[in-house]
C-alpha atoms as a PDB file:
ATOM      1  CA  MET A   1      15.094 -34.304 -34.489  1.00  0.00           C
ATOM      2  CA  ASP A   2      15.153 -37.269 -36.967  1.00  0.00           C
ATOM      3  CA  MET A   3      12.855 -40.453 -35.818  1.00  0.00           C
ATOM      4  CA  GLY A   4      15.868 -42.399 -35.143  1.00  0.00           C
ATOM      5  CA  PRO A   5      16.317 -44.177 -32.121  1.00  0.00           C
ATOM      6  CA  GLY A   6      19.598 -43.190 -31.849  1.00  0.00           C
ATOM      7  CA  TYR A   7      18.833 -39.578 -31.689  1.00  0.00           C
ATOM      8  CA  ALA A   8      16.267 -40.007 -28.706  1.00  0.00           C
ATOM      9  CA  LYS A   9      18.862 -42.271 -26.660  1.00  0.00           C
ATOM     10  CA  SER A  10      21.453 -39.838 -27.154  1.00  0.00           C
ATOM     11  CA  ALA A  11      18.990 -36.568 -26.026  1.00  0.00           C
ATOM     12  CA  ARG A  12      17.928 -38.714 -23.305  1.00  0.00           C
ATOM     13  CA  LYS A  13      21.503 -39.150 -22.006  1.00  0.00           C
ATOM     14  CA  HIS A  14      23.390 -35.606 -22.777  1.00  0.00           C
ATOM     15  CA  ALA A  15      20.162 -33.591 -22.367  1.00  0.00           C
ATOM     16  CA  PRO A  16      18.061 -35.040 -20.273  1.00  0.00           C
ATOM     17  CA  GLN A  17      16.002 -31.902 -19.665  1.00  0.00           C
ATOM     18  CA  ALA A  18      15.147 -31.832 -23.163  1.00  0.00           C
ATOM     19  CA  VAL A  19      11.562 -32.707 -24.860  1.00  0.00           C
ATOM     20  CA  ILE A  20      12.075 -34.389 -27.784  1.00  0.00           C
ATOM     21  CA  CYS A  21      10.438 -33.122 -30.900  1.00  0.00           C
ATOM     22  CA  ILE A  22      10.211 -35.197 -34.182  1.00  0.00           C
ATOM     23  CA  ASP A  23      10.586 -33.283 -37.288  1.00  0.00           C
ATOM     24  CA  PRO A  24       7.463 -32.862 -38.872  1.00  0.00           C
ATOM     25  CA  TYR A  25       8.627 -33.831 -42.137  1.00  0.00           C
ATOM     26  CA  HIS A  26       9.262 -38.012 -40.795  1.00  0.00           C
ATOM     27  CA  VAL A  27       5.584 -37.579 -39.186  1.00  0.00           C
ATOM     28  CA  VAL A  28       4.224 -36.828 -42.148  1.00  0.00           C
ATOM     29  CA  ALA A  29       5.998 -39.439 -44.165  1.00  0.00           C
ATOM     30  CA  LEU A  30       5.283 -42.015 -42.026  1.00  0.00           C
ATOM     31  CA  ALA A  31       1.414 -40.741 -41.545  1.00  0.00           C
ATOM     32  CA  ASN A  32       1.338 -40.942 -46.061  1.00  0.00           C
ATOM     33  CA  GLN A  33       2.785 -44.179 -45.654  1.00  0.00           C
ATOM     34  CA  ALA A  34       0.162 -45.548 -43.416  1.00  0.00           C
ATOM     35  CA  LEU A  35      -2.553 -44.229 -45.653  1.00  0.00           C
ATOM     36  CA  ASP A  36      -1.070 -45.756 -48.508  1.00  0.00           C
ATOM     37  CA  GLU A  37      -0.927 -49.162 -46.937  1.00  0.00           C
ATOM     38  CA  VAL A  38      -4.414 -48.677 -45.763  1.00  0.00           C
ATOM     39  CA  ARG A  39      -5.491 -47.629 -49.188  1.00  0.00           C
ATOM     40  CA  ARG A  40      -4.140 -50.456 -51.054  1.00  0.00           C
ATOM     41  CA  SER A  41      -5.376 -53.429 -48.603  1.00  0.00           C
ATOM     42  CA  TYR A  42      -8.795 -51.961 -48.967  1.00  0.00           C
ATOM     43  CA  TRP A  43      -8.446 -51.712 -53.040  1.00  0.00           C
ATOM     44  CA  ASN A  44      -7.226 -55.340 -52.883  1.00  0.00           C
ATOM     45  CA  GLU A  45     -10.418 -56.298 -51.134  1.00  0.00           C
ATOM     46  CA  LEU A  46     -12.436 -54.790 -53.506  1.00  0.00           C
ATOM     47  CA  ARG A  47     -10.996 -56.371 -56.340  1.00  0.00           C
ATOM     48  CA  GLN A  48     -10.839 -59.667 -54.293  1.00  0.00           C
ATOM     49  CA  ILE A  49     -14.850 -59.686 -53.281  1.00  0.00           C
ATOM     50  CA  GLY A  50     -15.187 -58.434 -57.877  1.00  0.00           C
ATOM     51  CA  ASP A  51     -16.318 -55.139 -57.136  1.00  0.00           C
ATOM     52  CA  GLN A  52     -13.892 -53.642 -59.749  1.00  0.00           C
ATOM     53  CA  ASN A  53     -15.839 -50.398 -60.038  1.00  0.00           C
ATOM     54  CA  ALA A  54     -15.268 -49.535 -56.699  1.00  0.00           C
ATOM     55  CA  ALA A  55     -12.194 -50.344 -56.513  1.00  0.00           C
ATOM     56  CA  LYS A  56     -10.919 -48.592 -59.488  1.00  0.00           C
ATOM     57  CA  ARG A  57     -13.022 -45.645 -58.267  1.00  0.00           C
ATOM     58  CA  PHE A  58     -10.928 -46.396 -54.950  1.00  0.00           C
ATOM     59  CA  LYS A  59      -7.665 -46.472 -56.723  1.00  0.00           C
ATOM     60  CA  ASP A  60      -8.223 -43.119 -58.662  1.00  0.00           C
ATOM     61  CA  ALA A  61      -8.745 -41.532 -55.389  1.00  0.00           C
ATOM     62  CA  ARG A  62      -5.341 -41.896 -54.120  1.00  0.00           C
ATOM     63  CA  TRP A  63      -4.162 -38.464 -54.418  1.00  0.00           C
ATOM     64  CA  SER A  64      -7.679 -37.247 -53.459  1.00  0.00           C
ATOM     65  CA  LEU A  65      -7.224 -38.605 -49.909  1.00  0.00           C
ATOM     66  CA  LEU A  66      -3.821 -36.321 -49.543  1.00  0.00           C
ATOM     67  CA  LYS A  67      -5.449 -33.155 -50.483  1.00  0.00           C
ATOM     68  CA  ALA A  68      -7.366 -31.025 -48.311  1.00  0.00           C
ATOM     69  CA  PRO A  69     -10.913 -30.528 -49.712  1.00  0.00           C
ATOM     70  CA  LYS A  70     -11.044 -27.453 -50.567  1.00  0.00           C
ATOM     71  CA  ASN A  71      -8.055 -28.191 -52.810  1.00  0.00           C
ATOM     72  CA  LEU A  72      -9.930 -31.211 -54.491  1.00  0.00           C
ATOM     73  CA  THR A  73     -10.169 -30.869 -58.210  1.00  0.00           C
ATOM     74  CA  ASP A  74     -13.615 -31.738 -59.931  1.00  0.00           C
ATOM     75  CA  LYS A  75     -12.219 -35.051 -61.178  1.00  0.00           C
ATOM     76  CA  GLN A  76     -10.771 -36.104 -57.949  1.00  0.00           C
ATOM     77  CA  VAL A  77     -14.447 -35.235 -56.156  1.00  0.00           C
ATOM     78  CA  GLY A  78     -16.147 -37.115 -58.549  1.00  0.00           C
ATOM     79  CA  PRO A  79     -15.899 -40.532 -56.565  1.00  0.00           C
ATOM     80  CA  ALA A  80     -17.511 -39.367 -53.429  1.00  0.00           C
ATOM     81  CA  ALA A  81     -20.023 -36.837 -55.587  1.00  0.00           C
ATOM     82  CA  GLU A  82     -21.116 -40.533 -57.463  1.00  0.00           C
ATOM     83  CA  GLU A  83     -21.308 -42.388 -54.394  1.00  0.00           C
ATOM     84  CA  LEU A  84     -23.460 -40.125 -53.032  1.00  0.00           C
ATOM     85  CA  PHE A  85     -25.879 -39.129 -56.132  1.00  0.00           C
ATOM     86  CA  ASP A  86     -25.728 -42.865 -56.993  1.00  0.00           C
ATOM     87  CA  ARG A  87     -27.154 -44.127 -53.018  1.00  0.00           C
ATOM     88  CA  ILE A  88     -29.775 -40.940 -53.492  1.00  0.00           C
ATOM     89  CA  MET A  89     -30.788 -42.128 -56.975  1.00  0.00           C
ATOM     90  CA  GLN A  90     -30.976 -46.247 -56.162  1.00  0.00           C
ATOM     91  CA  MET A  91     -33.333 -45.769 -52.669  1.00  0.00           C
ATOM     92  CA  PRO A  92     -36.109 -47.766 -53.509  1.00  0.00           C
ATOM     93  CA  ASP A  93     -38.480 -46.514 -55.892  1.00  0.00           C
ATOM     94  CA  ASN A  94     -37.297 -43.120 -55.798  1.00  0.00           C
ATOM     95  CA  ALA A  95     -40.025 -41.375 -58.631  1.00  0.00           C
ATOM     96  CA  GLY A  96     -40.176 -37.845 -56.508  1.00  0.00           C
ATOM     97  CA  ALA A  97     -43.804 -38.738 -55.176  1.00  0.00           C
ATOM     98  CA  THR A  98     -43.406 -39.217 -51.647  1.00  0.00           C
ATOM     99  CA  ASP A  99     -42.295 -35.689 -49.185  1.00  0.00           C
ATOM    100  CA  GLU A 100     -38.890 -37.944 -48.546  1.00  0.00           C
ATOM    101  CA  HIS A 101     -37.928 -38.462 -51.906  1.00  0.00           C
ATOM    102  CA  ARG A 102     -38.483 -35.052 -53.187  1.00  0.00           C
ATOM    103  CA  VAL A 103     -36.089 -34.420 -50.404  1.00  0.00           C
ATOM    104  CA  LEU A 104     -33.533 -36.037 -51.479  1.00  0.00           C
ATOM    105  CA  ASN A 105     -34.333 -35.254 -55.136  1.00  0.00           C
ATOM    106  CA  TYR A 106     -33.969 -31.880 -54.323  1.00  0.00           C
ATOM    107  CA  LEU A 107     -30.400 -31.679 -52.446  1.00  0.00           C
ATOM    108  CA  ALA A 108     -29.059 -34.371 -55.285  1.00  0.00           C
ATOM    109  CA  MET A 109     -30.048 -31.517 -58.256  1.00  0.00           C
ATOM    110  CA  ARG A 110     -29.574 -28.231 -55.915  1.00  0.00           C
ATOM    111  CA  TYR A 111     -27.263 -28.272 -53.028  1.00  0.00           C
ATOM    112  CA  PRO A 112     -23.573 -28.775 -54.059  1.00  0.00           C
ATOM    113  CA  ALA A 113     -22.532 -28.463 -50.070  1.00  0.00           C
ATOM    114  CA  ILE A 114     -23.612 -32.551 -49.660  1.00  0.00           C
ATOM    115  CA  TYR A 115     -20.874 -33.290 -52.770  1.00  0.00           C
ATOM    116  CA  ALA A 116     -18.257 -30.999 -50.987  1.00  0.00           C
ATOM    117  CA  LYS A 117     -19.258 -33.151 -47.222  1.00  0.00           C
ATOM    118  CA  ALA A 118     -18.934 -36.249 -49.213  1.00  0.00           C
ATOM    119  CA  ALA A 119     -15.641 -35.786 -50.334  1.00  0.00           C
ATOM    120  CA  GLU A 120     -14.294 -34.159 -46.851  1.00  0.00           C
ATOM    121  CA  GLN A 121     -15.547 -37.421 -45.369  1.00  0.00           C
ATOM    122  CA  TYR A 122     -14.280 -39.543 -48.040  1.00  0.00           C
ATOM    123  CA  GLY A 123     -11.057 -37.915 -48.021  1.00  0.00           C
ATOM    124  CA  GLY A 124     -10.662 -38.601 -44.687  1.00  0.00           C
ATOM    125  CA  ASP A 125     -11.212 -42.198 -44.617  1.00  0.00           C
ATOM    126  CA  TYR A 126     -14.894 -42.425 -44.433  1.00  0.00           C
ATOM    127  CA  SER A 127     -17.156 -44.047 -46.615  1.00  0.00           C
ATOM    128  CA  MET A 128     -21.099 -43.573 -46.909  1.00  0.00           C
ATOM    129  CA  THR A 129     -23.156 -45.753 -44.663  1.00  0.00           C
ATOM    130  CA  GLY A 130     -26.733 -44.195 -44.791  1.00  0.00           C
ATOM    131  CA  VAL A 131     -29.109 -41.648 -45.855  1.00  0.00           C
ATOM    132  CA  GLU A 132     -32.377 -41.342 -43.884  1.00  0.00           C
ATOM    133  CA  VAL A 133     -34.832 -38.652 -44.313  1.00  0.00           C
ATOM    134  CA  ILE A 134     -37.093 -37.819 -41.235  1.00  0.00           C
ATOM    135  CA  PRO A 135     -39.410 -35.470 -40.199  1.00  0.00           C
ATOM    136  CA  SER A 136     -38.453 -32.204 -38.577  1.00  0.00           C
ATOM    137  CA  SER A 137     -39.273 -31.445 -34.911  1.00  0.00           C
ATOM    138  CA  LEU A 138     -39.348 -28.396 -36.504  1.00  0.00           C
ATOM    139  CA  SER A 139     -42.562 -29.017 -38.633  1.00  0.00           C
ATOM    140  CA  SER A 140     -46.020 -27.516 -37.804  1.00  0.00           C
ATOM    141  CA  THR A 141     -47.813 -26.167 -40.131  1.00  0.00           C
ATOM    142  CA  ARG A 142     -45.326 -26.493 -42.866  1.00  0.00           C
ATOM    143  CA  LYS A 143     -43.595 -29.776 -44.029  1.00  0.00           C
ATOM    144  CA  ILE A 144     -40.181 -29.762 -43.268  1.00  0.00           C
ATOM    145  CA  TYR A 145     -37.788 -32.690 -43.394  1.00  0.00           C
ATOM    146  CA  GLU A 146     -34.171 -33.807 -42.119  1.00  0.00           C
ATOM    147  CA  ALA A 147     -31.982 -35.588 -44.137  1.00  0.00           C
ATOM    148  CA  ILE A 148     -29.487 -37.007 -42.256  1.00  0.00           C
ATOM    149  CA  PHE A 149     -25.853 -39.008 -43.965  1.00  0.00           C
ATOM    150  CA  SER A 150     -24.244 -41.088 -42.126  1.00  0.00           C
ATOM    151  CA  TYR A 151     -20.430 -42.156 -42.668  1.00  0.00           C
ATOM    152  CA  THR A 152     -18.081 -44.739 -41.183  1.00  0.00           C
ATOM    153  CA  HIS A 153     -14.443 -44.434 -40.479  1.00  0.00           C
ATOM    154  CA  ARG A 154     -12.817 -47.429 -42.620  1.00  0.00           C
ATOM    155  CA  ASN A 155     -10.384 -48.601 -39.609  1.00  0.00           C
ATOM    156  CA  THR A 156     -12.272 -47.416 -36.343  1.00  0.00           C
ATOM    157  CA  ASP A 157     -15.794 -47.918 -37.724  1.00  0.00           C
ATOM    158  CA  PHE A 158     -16.562 -44.252 -35.829  1.00  0.00           C
ATOM    159  CA  VAL A 159     -20.064 -42.817 -37.019  1.00  0.00           C
ATOM    160  CA  GLU A 160     -20.228 -39.526 -37.939  1.00  0.00           C
ATOM    161  CA  LYS A 161     -23.628 -37.864 -39.109  1.00  0.00           C
ATOM    162  CA  PHE A 162     -24.775 -34.531 -40.553  1.00  0.00           C
ATOM    163  CA  PHE A 163     -27.849 -33.088 -41.973  1.00  0.00           C
ATOM    164  CA  VAL A 164     -29.900 -30.563 -43.549  1.00  0.00           C
ATOM    165  CA  ARG A 165     -33.402 -29.105 -43.085  1.00  0.00           C
ATOM    166  CA  VAL A 166     -35.938 -28.953 -46.259  1.00  0.00           C
ATOM    167  CA  ASP A 167     -39.315 -27.900 -46.314  1.00  0.00           C
ATOM    168  CA  VAL A 168     -41.279 -29.534 -49.418  1.00  0.00           C
ATOM    169  CA  THR A 169     -44.690 -27.825 -48.689  1.00  0.00           C
ATOM    170  CA  GLU A 170     -45.026 -25.960 -51.622  1.00  0.00           C
ATOM    171  CA  GLU A 171     -44.641 -27.311 -54.943  1.00  0.00           C
ATOM    172  CA  PHE A 172     -40.971 -26.257 -54.994  1.00  0.00           C
ATOM    173  CA  PRO A 173     -38.284 -27.777 -52.158  1.00  0.00           C
ATOM    174  CA  PHE A 174     -36.233 -25.281 -50.528  1.00  0.00           C
ATOM    175  CA  LEU A 175     -33.185 -25.192 -47.959  1.00  0.00           C
ATOM    176  CA  VAL A 176     -33.915 -24.519 -44.298  1.00  0.00           C
ATOM    177  CA  THR A 177     -30.983 -25.573 -42.123  1.00  0.00           C
ATOM    178  CA  LYS A 178     -27.571 -25.631 -43.849  1.00  0.00           C
ATOM    179  CA  MET A 179     -25.184 -28.880 -44.103  1.00  0.00           C
ATOM    180  CA  SER A 180     -24.085 -29.354 -40.105  1.00  0.00           C
ATOM    181  CA  SER A 181     -23.272 -31.946 -37.161  1.00  0.00           C
ATOM    182  CA  TYR A 182     -26.329 -34.322 -36.569  1.00  0.00           C
ATOM    183  CA  TYR A 183     -26.324 -35.727 -32.632  1.00  0.00           C
ATOM    184  CA  ASP A 184     -28.907 -38.353 -32.279  1.00  0.00           C
ATOM    185  CA  ARG A 185     -31.073 -37.606 -29.448  1.00  0.00           C
END
């Protein structure tokens, strides 16, 4: 049924036993309108605080927010991937000398799933808010680390975390476990 109040009122009056169902087209249209309003508001905030680069990336991401992550083009994944790559590379003193930095550098260069996850979260109105590398409880004779990526929802402040495990015992790091949800213990 159309979302106009007259339709629901008439249905309740003439068919009180009926279950009222809203036309999916109108629900999606309202959701898209709300998403666009939030996106514009955030874009204006970025411009007002003077972060022109972030504002441009966010403005250019409009269509990325409306697509399923699997249907995103390289150009649309770009802003999320760039944010992730910059965050990894700008970590203090990341010259690859520590095991933690080797984990991050390996993931940045050899594990595209972190970029796919960043794009998926970005499309779900999340921002990356943290990257942490800690020793894994699986470490015993091998040096295994967990890289934890935190994403915070822009409206609700809900935090989702995902992690991968990487072994850096030898000269060449390798993936131990694929990207999956992380739960604080």
